[in-house]
Amino acid sequence: MWIVAKLNNASGKFFQSEIEKKFNIKINIYEPKVEISTYKNNKIFKRQKPLLENYVFCYHQDFKDMQNINKLKFVKGLKCFLNGHQSNQKQIVNFI
């Protein structure tokens, strides 16, 4: 099941490593990014910027149970989980 998490100015990789350290579970994180190209002094500079700022999508089979999500609420780098993920699974999958 997919859930949406809001992070504290951290990347999805840091959040994922904290979960793996504390709970020994492997979750998949999807963080959509957009590539921005800028020109300066006849050179092209490319950088990636998160599309949804501090929001990432997390997937694990055990997220169907709210007790498993409650265990993850106090991981470093996490601000909160958004409510309503159970009823909006189709929209989340279509977005991803």
C-alpha atoms as a PDB file:
ATOM      1  CA  MET A   1       0.000   0.000   0.000  1.00  0.00           C
ATOM      2  CA  TRP A   2       1.215   3.491  -0.855  1.00  0.00           C
ATOM      3  CA  ILE A   3       1.327   6.287   1.709  1.00  0.00           C
ATOM      4  CA  VAL A   4       2.314   9.940   1.331  1.00  0.00           C
ATOM      5  CA  ALA A   5       4.890  11.347   3.755  1.00  0.00           C
ATOM      6  CA  LYS A   6       5.949  14.929   4.357  1.00  0.00           C
ATOM      7  CA  LEU A   7       9.652  15.261   5.195  1.00  0.00           C
ATOM      8  CA  ASN A   8      11.620  17.828   7.199  1.00  0.00           C
ATOM      9  CA  ASN A   9      13.929  19.346   4.576  1.00  0.00           C
ATOM     10  CA  ALA A  10      15.480  15.932   4.058  1.00  0.00           C
ATOM     11  CA  SER A  11      15.728  13.736   1.035  1.00  0.00           C
ATOM     12  CA  GLY A  12      13.907  10.474   0.604  1.00  0.00           C
ATOM     13  CA  LYS A  13      17.191   8.561   0.814  1.00  0.00           C
ATOM     14  CA  PHE A  14      17.875   9.803   4.369  1.00  0.00           C
ATOM     15  CA  PHE A  15      14.342   8.916   5.463  1.00  0.00           C
ATOM     16  CA  GLN A  16      14.633   5.472   3.893  1.00  0.00           C
ATOM     17  CA  SER A  17      17.964   4.755   5.610  1.00  0.00           C
ATOM     18  CA  GLU A  18      16.546   5.772   9.010  1.00  0.00           C
ATOM     19  CA  ILE A  19      13.633   3.344   8.611  1.00  0.00           C
ATOM     20  CA  GLU A  20      15.964   0.551   7.556  1.00  0.00           C
ATOM     21  CA  LYS A  21      18.231   1.149  10.575  1.00  0.00           C
ATOM     22  CA  LYS A  22      15.476   1.231  13.200  1.00  0.00           C
ATOM     23  CA  PHE A  23      12.889  -1.241  11.939  1.00  0.00           C
ATOM     24  CA  ASN A  24      14.796  -3.524   9.534  1.00  0.00           C
ATOM     25  CA  ILE A  25      12.191  -3.227   6.786  1.00  0.00           C
ATOM     26  CA  LYS A  26      12.790  -2.351   3.164  1.00  0.00           C
ATOM     27  CA  ILE A  27      10.407   0.259   1.751  1.00  0.00           C
ATOM     28  CA  ASN A  28      10.242   1.686  -1.750  1.00  0.00           C
ATOM     29  CA  ILE A  29      10.318   5.465  -1.998  1.00  0.00           C
ATOM     30  CA  TYR A  30       9.204   7.438  -5.039  1.00  0.00           C
ATOM     31  CA  GLU A  31      10.253  11.087  -5.114  1.00  0.00           C
ATOM     32  CA  PRO A  32       9.272  12.724  -8.428  1.00  0.00           C
ATOM     33  CA  LYS A  33      11.809  15.234  -9.726  1.00  0.00           C
ATOM     34  CA  VAL A  34      11.996  17.652 -12.633  1.00  0.00           C
ATOM     35  CA  GLU A  35      15.210  18.484 -14.480  1.00  0.00           C
ATOM     36  CA  ILE A  36      15.941  22.178 -14.957  1.00  0.00           C
ATOM     37  CA  SER A  37      18.435  23.377 -17.567  1.00  0.00           C
ATOM     38  CA  THR A  38      19.974  26.832 -17.306  1.00  0.00           C
ATOM     39  CA  TYR A  39      22.401  28.614 -19.587  1.00  0.00           C
ATOM     40  CA  LYS A  40      25.317  30.587 -18.203  1.00  0.00           C
ATOM     41  CA  ASN A  41      28.414  31.693 -20.087  1.00  0.00           C
ATOM     42  CA  ASN A  42      27.492  29.510 -23.091  1.00  0.00           C
ATOM     43  CA  LYS A  43      27.288  26.398 -20.921  1.00  0.00           C
ATOM     44  CA  ILE A  44      24.313  24.307 -20.002  1.00  0.00           C
ATOM     45  CA  PHE A  45      23.868  23.500 -16.323  1.00  0.00           C
ATOM     46  CA  LYS A  46      21.373  20.811 -15.377  1.00  0.00           C
ATOM     47  CA  ARG A  47      19.964  20.257 -11.917  1.00  0.00           C
ATOM     48  CA  GLN A  48      17.106  18.267 -10.478  1.00  0.00           C
ATOM     49  CA  LYS A  49      14.451  19.753  -8.257  1.00  0.00           C
ATOM     50  CA  PRO A  50      11.771  17.808  -6.344  1.00  0.00           C
ATOM     51  CA  LEU A  51       8.403  18.189  -8.025  1.00  0.00           C
ATOM     52  CA  LEU A  52       6.395  17.970  -4.807  1.00  0.00           C
ATOM     53  CA  GLU A  53       8.849  19.820  -2.515  1.00  0.00           C
ATOM     54  CA  ASN A  54       8.952  17.824   0.757  1.00  0.00           C
ATOM     55  CA  TYR A  55       6.465  15.070  -0.125  1.00  0.00           C
ATOM     56  CA  VAL A  56       7.422  11.504  -1.058  1.00  0.00           C
ATOM     57  CA  PHE A  57       5.458   8.326  -1.777  1.00  0.00           C
ATOM     58  CA  CYS A  58       6.341   5.235   0.269  1.00  0.00           C
ATOM     59  CA  TYR A  59       5.322   1.655  -0.478  1.00  0.00           C
ATOM     60  CA  HIS A  60       5.349  -1.432   1.704  1.00  0.00           C
ATOM     61  CA  GLN A  61       2.934  -4.341   1.961  1.00  0.00           C
ATOM     62  CA  ASP A  62       2.467  -3.864   5.716  1.00  0.00           C
ATOM     63  CA  PHE A  63       1.147  -0.294   5.401  1.00  0.00           C
ATOM     64  CA  LYS A  64      -2.399  -1.690   5.231  1.00  0.00           C
ATOM     65  CA  ASP A  65      -2.319  -1.949   9.019  1.00  0.00           C
ATOM     66  CA  MET A  66      -2.370   1.393  10.862  1.00  0.00           C
ATOM     67  CA  GLN A  67      -0.259  -0.020  13.717  1.00  0.00           C
ATOM     68  CA  ASN A  68       2.694  -0.390  11.356  1.00  0.00           C
ATOM     69  CA  ILE A  69       2.333   3.216  10.210  1.00  0.00           C
ATOM     70  CA  ASN A  70       2.113   4.426  13.813  1.00  0.00           C
ATOM     71  CA  LYS A  71       5.473   2.772  14.561  1.00  0.00           C
ATOM     72  CA  LEU A  72       7.105   4.921  11.861  1.00  0.00           C
ATOM     73  CA  LYS A  73       5.708   8.290  13.005  1.00  0.00           C
ATOM     74  CA  PHE A  74       8.780   9.227  15.041  1.00  0.00           C
ATOM     75  CA  VAL A  75      11.528   8.517  12.513  1.00  0.00           C
ATOM     76  CA  LYS A  76      14.110  11.269  11.953  1.00  0.00           C
ATOM     77  CA  GLY A  77      13.355  13.357   8.916  1.00  0.00           C
ATOM     78  CA  LEU A  78       9.600  12.746   8.946  1.00  0.00           C
ATOM     79  CA  LYS A  79       7.145  15.546   9.604  1.00  0.00           C
ATOM     80  CA  CYS A  80       3.887  13.601   9.140  1.00  0.00           C
ATOM     81  CA  PHE A  81       1.984  11.047   7.094  1.00  0.00           C
ATOM     82  CA  LEU A  82      -0.999  12.375   5.154  1.00  0.00           C
ATOM     83  CA  ASN A  83      -4.373  10.911   6.027  1.00  0.00           C
ATOM     84  CA  GLY A  84      -6.679   9.351   3.453  1.00  0.00           C
ATOM     85  CA  HIS A  85      -4.145   7.097   1.788  1.00  0.00           C
ATOM     86  CA  GLN A  86      -6.356   4.013   2.115  1.00  0.00           C
ATOM     87  CA  SER A  87      -9.252   5.455   0.150  1.00  0.00           C
ATOM     88  CA  ASN A  88      -7.093   7.125  -2.519  1.00  0.00           C
ATOM     89  CA  GLN A  89      -4.915   4.231  -3.670  1.00  0.00           C
ATOM     90  CA  LYS A  90      -6.165   4.444  -7.279  1.00  0.00           C
ATOM     91  CA  GLN A  91      -5.271   8.135  -7.565  1.00  0.00           C
ATOM     92  CA  ILE A  92      -1.837   7.587  -6.038  1.00  0.00           C
ATOM     93  CA  VAL A  93      -1.061   4.714  -8.414  1.00  0.00           C
ATOM     94  CA  ASN A  94      -2.269   6.766 -11.406  1.00  0.00           C
ATOM     95  CA  PHE A  95      -0.030   9.682 -10.373  1.00  0.00           C
ATOM     96  CA  ILE A  96       3.018   7.463  -9.987  1.00  0.00           C
END
